[in-house]
Amino acid sequence: MAHLIEQMAYVGATPWHGLGSALSPKQPLEIWQREAGMNWQIEESPVHFKSDIIGALGTIHSFPEQKVLYRSDTKAPLSVVSQRYQVVQPREVLEFYRDLTEFSGYELETAGVLKGGRKFWALARTGQATVLKGNDEVNGYLLLATSCDGTLATTATPTTVRVVCNNTLTISLAGADHAIKVPHNTRFDPRTVKKQLGIAVSQWDEFMYRMRTLAERRVQTKEALGFFMEVLCDTSAHAPIPDALPNKRAMEKVQTLYEGKGRGSEMESARGTAWGLLNAVTEYVDHEKRANSSEYRMDSAWFGQGAAIKQKALNAALQLVA
């Protein structure tokens, strides 16, 4: 099976089943650009088509309302978009971090290209960190990702990573997503995004305070079952358990992760707590959920259905301590 990840570079532990080029820390962005497969441009061309006429070679027509985006290196087509579509280049995603890594203590950890160049990202550690009870370490990150096929706005997302299991979780409170999203009908301005992110990043302390309250909240067996039913089966936690439970396999897997099989599930912060419930779901989405490949799972966990499930789990967990 072809890898969904076109190319990737990383610092530290090998992610996603060994894919990517390992880099030593503090590499310049130019090295990241080459090793992450982001050293090419998105080019544009008008849309043309040929109308076949019997007995003739046909006539070439143009369609001025749209344009084709393609890679400068391979000439491979990426998408057909409207003329209003504002392209964000792969190098712009890395350049976003230049001042952050040089002056603000950020460190790039992964960057890469998905789906043949249709989506690309970079993830940097911010330097923020918290330790929950039992030495459960959580670090702060900033993910910047975009697409050139309309499937993802240019999105800067403050993210946490739980060290013991590498679970990722978007920072959000009270149902509000602190991601900054720039639609592709608007020009991407890094300075404006960073200014907006200043507010979101400042939410770190409040968010981690709420995570600490989750680690203090003891959970009964019935509550745990209701939580997983609500998050995975769209069934009210207070409703009777149906005979034919939707997502039965997911329910069973998440329960085993919560009850001791999950990485970090036996830590003081997670064993029998709301924090443990949340991490059982995030570990399932990030590492266990059925997918065509680990790369498809990653794409879902960050940008798709998996990300939505994790957000739903976070909202449900916060309700337990509301």
Protein backbone atom coordinates (compact mmCIF):
# COMPACT_ATOMS: atom_id res chain seq x y z
CA MET A 1 0.00 0.00 0.00
CA ALA A 2 1.34 3.46 -0.90
CA HIS A 3 2.11 5.63 2.08
CA LEU A 4 -0.17 8.56 2.67
CA ILE A 5 2.89 10.40 3.99
CA GLU A 6 4.88 11.60 0.98
CA GLN A 7 7.91 12.59 3.07
CA MET A 8 8.60 13.57 6.66
CA ALA A 9 11.39 14.70 8.99
CA TYR A 10 11.53 14.45 12.76
CA VAL A 11 13.66 15.07 15.84
CA GLY A 12 13.71 12.63 18.74
CA ALA A 13 11.82 9.34 18.89
CA THR A 14 10.88 7.72 15.58
CA PRO A 15 7.16 8.41 14.94
CA TRP A 16 4.54 6.63 12.87
CA HIS A 17 6.20 3.24 12.37
CA GLY A 18 9.60 4.44 11.28
CA LEU A 19 8.66 6.76 8.45
CA GLY A 20 10.69 9.88 7.85
CA SER A 21 14.23 11.27 8.10
CA ALA A 22 15.78 11.64 11.55
CA LEU A 23 17.39 15.02 12.22
CA SER A 24 19.56 16.20 15.07
CA PRO A 25 18.08 19.08 17.13
CA LYS A 26 18.37 22.77 16.21
CA GLN A 27 18.64 22.24 12.45
CA PRO A 28 18.09 25.32 10.25
CA LEU A 29 14.79 25.59 8.43
CA GLU A 30 16.50 25.05 5.09
CA ILE A 31 17.50 21.52 6.23
CA TRP A 32 13.97 20.87 7.48
CA GLN A 33 12.58 22.01 4.14
CA ARG A 34 14.73 19.52 2.23
CA GLU A 35 14.39 16.54 4.59
CA ALA A 36 10.64 17.02 5.14
CA GLY A 37 10.00 17.03 1.39
CA MET A 38 8.81 20.64 1.39
CA ASN A 39 11.42 22.07 -1.01
CA TRP A 40 9.05 22.59 -3.93
CA GLN A 41 6.52 25.23 -5.01
CA ILE A 42 2.83 25.05 -5.83
CA GLU A 43 2.45 26.33 -9.39
CA GLU A 44 -0.73 27.48 -11.13
CA SER A 45 -2.08 26.97 -14.63
CA PRO A 46 -5.35 27.93 -16.35
CA VAL A 47 -7.88 25.13 -16.89
CA HIS A 48 -8.13 24.00 -20.53
CA PHE A 49 -10.20 21.25 -22.08
CA LYS A 50 -10.60 19.72 -25.52
CA SER A 51 -13.98 19.32 -27.20
CA ASP A 52 -13.96 16.35 -29.56
CA ILE A 53 -15.50 16.92 -32.96
CA ILE A 54 -16.16 14.04 -35.35
CA GLY A 55 -13.63 14.07 -38.16
CA ALA A 56 -11.47 16.75 -36.54
CA LEU A 57 -8.80 17.00 -33.85
CA GLY A 58 -11.04 19.00 -31.57
CA THR A 59 -10.78 22.50 -30.20
CA ILE A 60 -9.00 23.66 -27.03
CA HIS A 61 -11.15 25.80 -24.76
CA SER A 62 -10.33 27.59 -21.50
CA PHE A 63 -12.32 27.77 -18.26
CA PRO A 64 -11.17 31.05 -16.70
CA GLU A 65 -13.13 30.68 -13.45
CA GLN A 66 -10.78 27.94 -12.19
CA LYS A 67 -7.09 27.01 -12.15
CA VAL A 68 -5.01 23.86 -11.75
CA LEU A 69 -2.47 23.66 -8.93
CA TYR A 70 0.53 21.39 -9.51
CA ARG A 71 3.95 20.61 -8.04
CA SER A 72 6.96 22.45 -9.45
CA ASP A 73 9.25 19.42 -9.05
CA THR A 74 7.21 16.50 -10.40
CA LYS A 75 4.55 18.51 -12.30
CA ALA A 76 1.99 16.23 -10.62
CA PRO A 77 -1.48 17.82 -10.40
CA LEU A 78 -2.72 18.64 -6.92
CA SER A 79 -6.20 20.12 -7.36
CA VAL A 80 -8.53 22.30 -9.39
CA VAL A 81 -9.62 25.39 -7.46
CA SER A 82 -11.29 28.72 -8.07
CA GLN A 83 -9.31 31.76 -9.16
CA ARG A 84 -9.96 33.25 -5.71
CA TYR A 85 -8.05 30.42 -4.01
CA GLN A 86 -5.08 31.78 -2.05
CA VAL A 87 -2.17 29.33 -2.13
CA VAL A 88 0.03 28.78 0.92
CA GLN A 89 3.42 27.37 -0.08
CA PRO A 90 5.13 24.51 1.81
CA ARG A 91 8.06 26.77 2.72
CA GLU A 92 5.64 29.28 4.27
CA VAL A 93 4.55 26.68 6.82
CA LEU A 94 8.16 26.25 7.95
CA GLU A 95 8.97 29.98 7.72
CA PHE A 96 6.12 30.59 10.16
CA TYR A 97 8.35 29.10 12.85
CA ARG A 98 11.59 30.96 12.01
CA ASP A 99 11.31 33.72 14.61
CA LEU A 100 9.60 31.35 17.07
CA THR A 101 12.53 28.91 16.95
CA GLU A 102 15.24 31.59 16.85
CA PHE A 103 13.91 33.94 19.54
CA SER A 104 10.99 32.35 21.44
CA GLY A 105 12.34 28.96 22.48
CA TYR A 106 10.24 26.83 20.12
CA GLU A 107 11.75 23.62 18.71
CA LEU A 108 10.53 21.92 15.55
CA GLU A 109 9.85 18.20 16.11
CA THR A 110 8.08 16.98 12.96
CA ALA A 111 7.23 18.32 9.52
CA GLY A 112 6.04 16.63 6.39
CA VAL A 113 3.84 16.24 3.35
CA LEU A 114 0.64 14.19 3.09
CA LYS A 115 -1.35 12.91 0.13
CA GLY A 116 1.26 13.64 -2.52
CA GLY A 117 1.54 17.29 -1.51
CA ARG A 118 -2.14 18.12 -1.03
CA LYS A 119 -1.60 18.64 2.70
CA PHE A 120 1.50 19.60 4.69
CA TRP A 121 2.32 20.49 8.27
CA ALA A 122 4.95 21.34 10.89
CA LEU A 123 4.76 20.68 14.64
CA ALA A 124 6.91 22.53 17.19
CA ARG A 125 7.31 22.20 20.93
CA THR A 126 6.57 25.51 22.64
CA GLY A 127 8.56 24.99 25.82
CA GLN A 128 5.45 24.88 27.98
CA ALA A 129 5.13 21.81 30.22
CA THR A 130 3.14 20.55 33.21
CA VAL A 131 3.49 17.48 35.41
CA LEU A 132 0.30 15.93 36.79
CA LYS A 133 0.32 13.80 39.93
CA GLY A 134 2.41 10.66 39.68
CA ASN A 135 4.95 12.35 37.35
CA ASP A 136 2.60 12.39 34.34
CA GLU A 137 4.25 14.91 32.00
CA VAL A 138 2.32 16.93 29.41
CA ASN A 139 4.08 19.25 26.94
CA GLY A 140 2.75 22.11 24.84
CA TYR A 141 3.05 22.19 21.06
CA LEU A 142 1.94 24.30 18.11
CA LEU A 143 0.73 22.58 14.94
CA LEU A 144 0.51 24.52 11.67
CA ALA A 145 -1.09 22.73 8.74
CA THR A 146 -2.70 23.58 5.43
CA SER A 147 -3.93 22.02 2.20
CA CYS A 148 -4.03 22.99 -1.45
CA ASP A 149 -7.18 21.05 -2.32
CA GLY A 150 -9.71 22.84 -0.10
CA THR A 151 -9.95 20.07 2.50
CA LEU A 152 -8.25 22.09 5.26
CA ALA A 153 -7.98 25.80 5.95
CA THR A 154 -4.55 27.02 7.01
CA THR A 155 -4.82 26.14 10.70
CA ALA A 156 -2.60 26.94 13.68
CA THR A 157 -3.54 24.70 16.60
CA PRO A 158 -2.17 24.82 20.17
CA THR A 159 -1.79 21.15 21.10
CA THR A 160 -0.75 19.06 24.09
CA VAL A 161 1.21 15.81 23.95
CA ARG A 162 1.18 13.42 26.92
CA VAL A 163 4.73 12.10 27.05
CA VAL A 164 4.06 8.59 28.39
CA CYS A 165 1.83 7.62 25.46
CA ASN A 166 2.36 10.36 22.85
CA ASN A 167 -1.38 11.16 22.91
CA THR A 168 -2.27 14.46 21.24
CA LEU A 169 -5.07 16.78 22.29
CA THR A 170 -6.11 20.18 20.98
CA ILE A 171 -6.24 22.89 23.63
CA SER A 172 -9.84 24.00 24.02
CA LEU A 173 -12.09 25.08 26.86
CA ALA A 174 -15.84 25.40 27.28
CA GLY A 175 -16.38 23.88 23.84
CA ALA A 176 -14.33 26.64 22.18
CA ASP A 177 -11.59 25.59 19.78
CA HIS A 178 -8.55 27.85 20.14
CA ALA A 179 -7.24 26.97 16.67
CA ILE A 180 -6.71 29.93 14.34
CA LYS A 181 -8.13 29.15 10.90
CA VAL A 182 -7.45 31.14 7.73
CA PRO A 183 -9.73 30.11 4.84
CA HIS A 184 -8.18 29.88 1.40
CA ASN A 185 -10.20 32.79 0.06
CA THR A 186 -8.14 34.98 2.43
CA ARG A 187 -4.43 35.72 2.25
CA PHE A 188 -2.40 33.97 4.95
CA ASP A 189 -0.66 36.61 7.10
CA PRO A 190 1.72 34.97 9.61
CA ARG A 191 1.98 38.11 11.76
CA THR A 192 -1.78 38.33 12.21
CA VAL A 193 -2.03 34.63 13.06
CA LYS A 194 0.78 34.91 15.64
CA LYS A 195 -0.92 37.88 17.21
CA GLN A 196 -4.17 35.91 17.51
CA LEU A 197 -2.27 32.88 18.79
CA GLY A 198 -0.87 34.93 21.65
CA ILE A 199 -4.32 34.83 23.21
CA ALA A 200 -4.77 31.10 22.56
CA VAL A 201 -1.34 30.13 23.89
CA SER A 202 -2.02 32.13 27.04
CA GLN A 203 -4.82 29.63 27.72
CA TRP A 204 -2.20 26.95 28.50
CA ASP A 205 -2.23 27.46 32.28
CA GLU A 206 -6.03 27.47 32.45
CA PHE A 207 -6.28 24.39 30.23
CA MET A 208 -3.75 22.44 32.28
CA TYR A 209 -5.50 23.49 35.48
CA ARG A 210 -8.62 21.83 34.08
CA MET A 211 -6.60 18.72 33.18
CA ARG A 212 -5.37 18.56 36.77
CA THR A 213 -8.98 18.66 37.96
CA LEU A 214 -9.69 15.71 35.65
CA ALA A 215 -6.81 13.82 37.28
CA GLU A 216 -8.37 14.49 40.70
CA ARG A 217 -11.91 13.44 39.67
CA ARG A 218 -12.55 9.83 40.69
CA VAL A 219 -14.86 7.88 38.35
CA GLN A 220 -17.20 5.02 39.15
CA THR A 221 -17.53 2.02 36.80
CA LYS A 222 -21.04 3.05 35.72
CA GLU A 223 -19.82 6.59 34.99
CA ALA A 224 -16.99 5.24 32.85
CA LEU A 225 -19.39 3.10 30.80
CA GLY A 226 -21.72 6.07 30.33
CA PHE A 227 -18.80 8.27 29.24
CA PHE A 228 -17.66 5.84 26.55
CA MET A 229 -21.22 5.30 25.33
CA GLU A 230 -21.75 9.04 24.99
CA VAL A 231 -18.46 9.65 23.17
CA LEU A 232 -18.32 6.59 20.91
CA CYS A 233 -21.93 5.48 20.45
CA ASP A 234 -23.90 8.76 20.49
CA THR A 235 -25.98 7.26 23.29
CA SER A 236 -26.93 9.26 26.35
CA ALA A 237 -24.98 8.27 29.42
CA HIS A 238 -28.30 7.92 31.27
CA ALA A 239 -30.13 5.88 28.62
CA PRO A 240 -30.55 2.10 28.88
CA ILE A 241 -27.82 0.14 27.09
CA PRO A 242 -29.26 -0.98 23.71
CA ASP A 243 -29.16 -4.66 22.75
CA ALA A 244 -27.22 -3.91 19.56
CA LEU A 245 -24.56 -1.45 20.67
CA PRO A 246 -23.08 0.62 17.81
CA ASN A 247 -19.27 0.77 17.71
CA LYS A 248 -19.08 -2.24 20.03
CA ARG A 249 -15.48 -3.01 19.08
CA ALA A 250 -14.40 0.58 19.80
CA MET A 251 -16.19 0.47 23.15
CA GLU A 252 -14.48 -2.75 24.17
CA LYS A 253 -11.05 -1.52 23.07
CA VAL A 254 -11.31 1.81 24.88
CA GLN A 255 -12.52 0.09 28.05
CA THR A 256 -9.48 -2.22 28.06
CA LEU A 257 -7.19 0.78 27.54
CA TYR A 258 -8.83 2.56 30.47
CA GLU A 259 -8.77 -0.49 32.73
CA GLY A 260 -5.01 -1.02 32.55
CA LYS A 261 -3.94 -1.91 29.01
CA GLY A 262 -3.34 1.68 27.90
CA ARG A 263 0.07 3.32 28.12
CA GLY A 264 0.08 5.36 31.31
CA SER A 265 -3.31 3.99 32.42
CA GLU A 266 -1.83 2.75 35.72
CA MET A 267 -0.33 6.11 36.62
CA GLU A 268 -1.79 7.85 39.66
CA SER A 269 -3.19 10.64 37.49
CA ALA A 270 -5.12 8.25 35.20
CA ARG A 271 -6.14 5.15 37.19
CA GLY A 272 -9.87 5.43 37.89
CA THR A 273 -10.06 9.13 36.97
CA ALA A 274 -11.65 11.38 34.36
CA TRP A 275 -8.15 12.07 32.99
CA GLY A 276 -7.84 8.31 32.45
CA LEU A 277 -11.15 8.26 30.57
CA LEU A 278 -10.00 11.04 28.25
CA ASN A 279 -6.64 9.42 27.58
CA ALA A 280 -8.22 6.04 26.83
CA VAL A 281 -10.13 7.72 23.99
CA THR A 282 -7.16 9.76 22.74
CA GLU A 283 -4.90 6.68 22.74
CA TYR A 284 -7.54 4.72 20.83
CA VAL A 285 -7.85 7.46 18.20
CA ASP A 286 -4.12 8.18 17.89
CA HIS A 287 -2.78 4.62 18.02
CA GLU A 288 -5.46 1.91 17.87
CA LYS A 289 -8.41 2.99 15.72
CA ARG A 290 -8.89 0.96 12.56
CA ALA A 291 -7.43 2.67 9.51
CA ASN A 292 -6.03 1.74 6.10
CA SER A 293 -2.58 2.57 7.51
CA SER A 294 -0.98 4.40 10.42
CA GLU A 295 -0.64 7.44 8.14
CA TYR A 296 -4.40 7.55 7.51
CA ARG A 297 -4.91 7.24 11.26
CA MET A 298 -2.63 10.22 11.87
CA ASP A 299 -4.45 12.32 9.27
CA SER A 300 -7.78 11.48 10.95
CA ALA A 301 -6.44 12.09 14.46
CA TRP A 302 -5.22 15.57 13.59
CA PHE A 303 -7.62 16.77 10.92
CA GLY A 304 -10.60 14.45 10.53
CA GLN A 305 -13.04 12.17 12.30
CA GLY A 306 -10.51 11.18 14.95
CA ALA A 307 -9.97 14.82 15.92
CA ALA A 308 -13.74 15.24 16.30
CA ILE A 309 -13.94 12.17 18.57
CA LYS A 310 -11.16 13.52 20.79
CA GLN A 311 -12.87 16.88 21.04
CA LYS A 312 -16.12 15.16 21.99
CA ALA A 313 -14.27 13.18 24.69
CA LEU A 314 -12.68 16.36 26.06
CA ASN A 315 -16.06 18.09 26.25
CA ALA A 316 -17.61 15.08 27.99
CA ALA A 317 -14.73 14.85 30.48
CA LEU A 318 -14.95 18.54 31.33
CA GLN A 319 -18.67 18.04 32.02
CA LEU A 320 -17.67 15.60 34.76
CA VAL A 321 -15.86 18.39 36.61
CA ALA A 322 -18.21 21.24 35.72
